[in-house]
Protein backbone atom coordinates (compact mmCIF):
# COMPACT_ATOMS: atom_id res chain seq x y z
CA MET A 1 -8.42 -3.83 26.41
CA SER A 2 -10.84 -0.98 26.92
CA GLU A 3 -12.22 1.03 24.03
CA LYS A 4 -10.24 4.07 25.18
CA ASP A 5 -7.00 2.04 25.19
CA ALA A 6 -7.76 0.61 21.76
CA MET A 7 -8.36 4.10 20.35
CA TRP A 8 -5.08 5.33 21.87
CA GLN A 9 -3.22 2.31 20.47
CA GLU A 10 -4.68 2.88 17.00
CA ARG A 11 -3.81 6.59 17.08
CA ARG A 12 -0.27 5.84 18.28
CA LEU A 13 0.15 3.19 15.58
CA GLU A 14 -0.78 5.73 12.91
CA GLU A 15 1.70 8.24 14.37
CA ILE A 16 4.47 5.64 14.26
CA LEU A 17 3.74 4.57 10.69
CA THR A 18 3.70 8.15 9.39
CA SER A 19 6.77 9.26 11.35
CA GLY A 20 10.08 9.93 9.65
CA VAL A 21 12.09 7.29 11.53
CA ASP A 22 13.63 4.26 9.84
CA ALA A 23 11.73 1.01 9.33
CA ALA A 24 13.51 -0.89 12.11
CA SER A 25 12.66 1.79 14.67
CA LYS A 26 9.04 1.81 13.53
CA ALA A 27 8.84 -1.97 13.94
CA GLN A 28 10.38 -1.79 17.43
CA GLN A 29 7.91 0.89 18.52
CA ILE A 30 4.98 -1.16 17.18
CA ILE A 31 6.22 -4.23 19.07
CA ARG A 32 6.32 -2.10 22.25
CA LEU A 33 2.64 -1.33 21.65
CA GLY A 34 1.95 -5.04 22.08
CA PHE A 35 1.93 -6.37 18.53
CA GLU A 36 3.77 -9.52 17.41
CA PRO A 37 7.15 -8.88 15.68
CA GLU A 38 6.03 -10.48 12.40
CA PHE A 39 2.88 -8.35 12.34
CA ALA A 40 4.89 -5.21 13.13
CA ASP A 41 7.27 -5.91 10.24
CA GLU A 42 4.34 -6.50 7.90
CA LEU A 43 2.64 -3.25 8.94
CA VAL A 44 5.82 -1.25 8.36
CA GLU A 45 6.44 -2.91 5.00
CA ARG A 46 2.87 -2.30 3.85
CA SER A 47 2.98 1.34 4.94
CA GLN A 48 6.19 1.88 2.96
CA LEU A 49 4.90 0.08 -0.13
CA GLY A 50 1.61 1.92 0.00
CA ALA A 51 3.32 5.26 -0.47
CA LYS A 52 5.39 4.04 -3.41
CA ALA A 53 3.09 1.51 -5.05
CA PRO A 54 1.54 2.48 -8.38
CA MET A 55 -2.16 3.00 -8.52
CA TYR A 56 -4.01 -0.11 -9.67
CA TYR A 57 -4.83 1.30 -13.09
CA GLU A 58 -1.20 2.38 -13.61
CA SER A 59 -0.05 -1.24 -13.35
CA LEU A 60 -2.50 -2.55 -15.96
CA ARG A 61 -1.49 -3.39 -19.50
CA PRO A 62 -3.34 -1.44 -22.22
CA ASP A 63 -5.52 -4.43 -23.09
CA GLU A 64 -6.47 -4.90 -19.40
CA LEU A 65 -7.14 -1.20 -19.03
CA ALA A 66 -9.35 -1.28 -22.12
CA MET A 67 -12.02 -3.30 -20.35
CA TYR A 68 -12.67 -0.25 -18.15
CA ASP A 69 -12.85 2.15 -21.07
CA GLU A 70 -16.17 2.70 -22.79
CA SER A 71 -14.68 3.65 -26.14
CA PRO A 72 -13.75 0.83 -28.54
CA ILE A 73 -10.10 -0.02 -29.04
CA GLU A 74 -8.67 -0.31 -32.49
CA PRO A 75 -6.32 -3.29 -32.87
CA GLU A 76 -2.72 -2.33 -33.43
CA THR A 77 -1.44 -2.97 -36.94
CA LYS A 78 2.15 -3.30 -38.00
CA SER A 79 3.36 -0.75 -40.50
CA GLY A 80 2.77 -1.85 -44.07
CA GLN A 81 0.01 -4.28 -43.11
CA ALA A 82 -3.70 -3.59 -43.05
């Protein structure tokens, strides 16, 4: 495949993934571009998850997030206990 064809294919792939059509239609269009069906399904799934997936730091527990914070964390105490 020439460089020009590869650039066109990449641009077309991006257009398909950002289009408003349903996931099955996106996968079919990607397959028509020459990709394997399994790879097309994976691309569509990843593009859909990417838009809805929480940011990495949003999925961390407070204790995991604390390792990125420079300020010290006070241990939680139960009420009535010191």
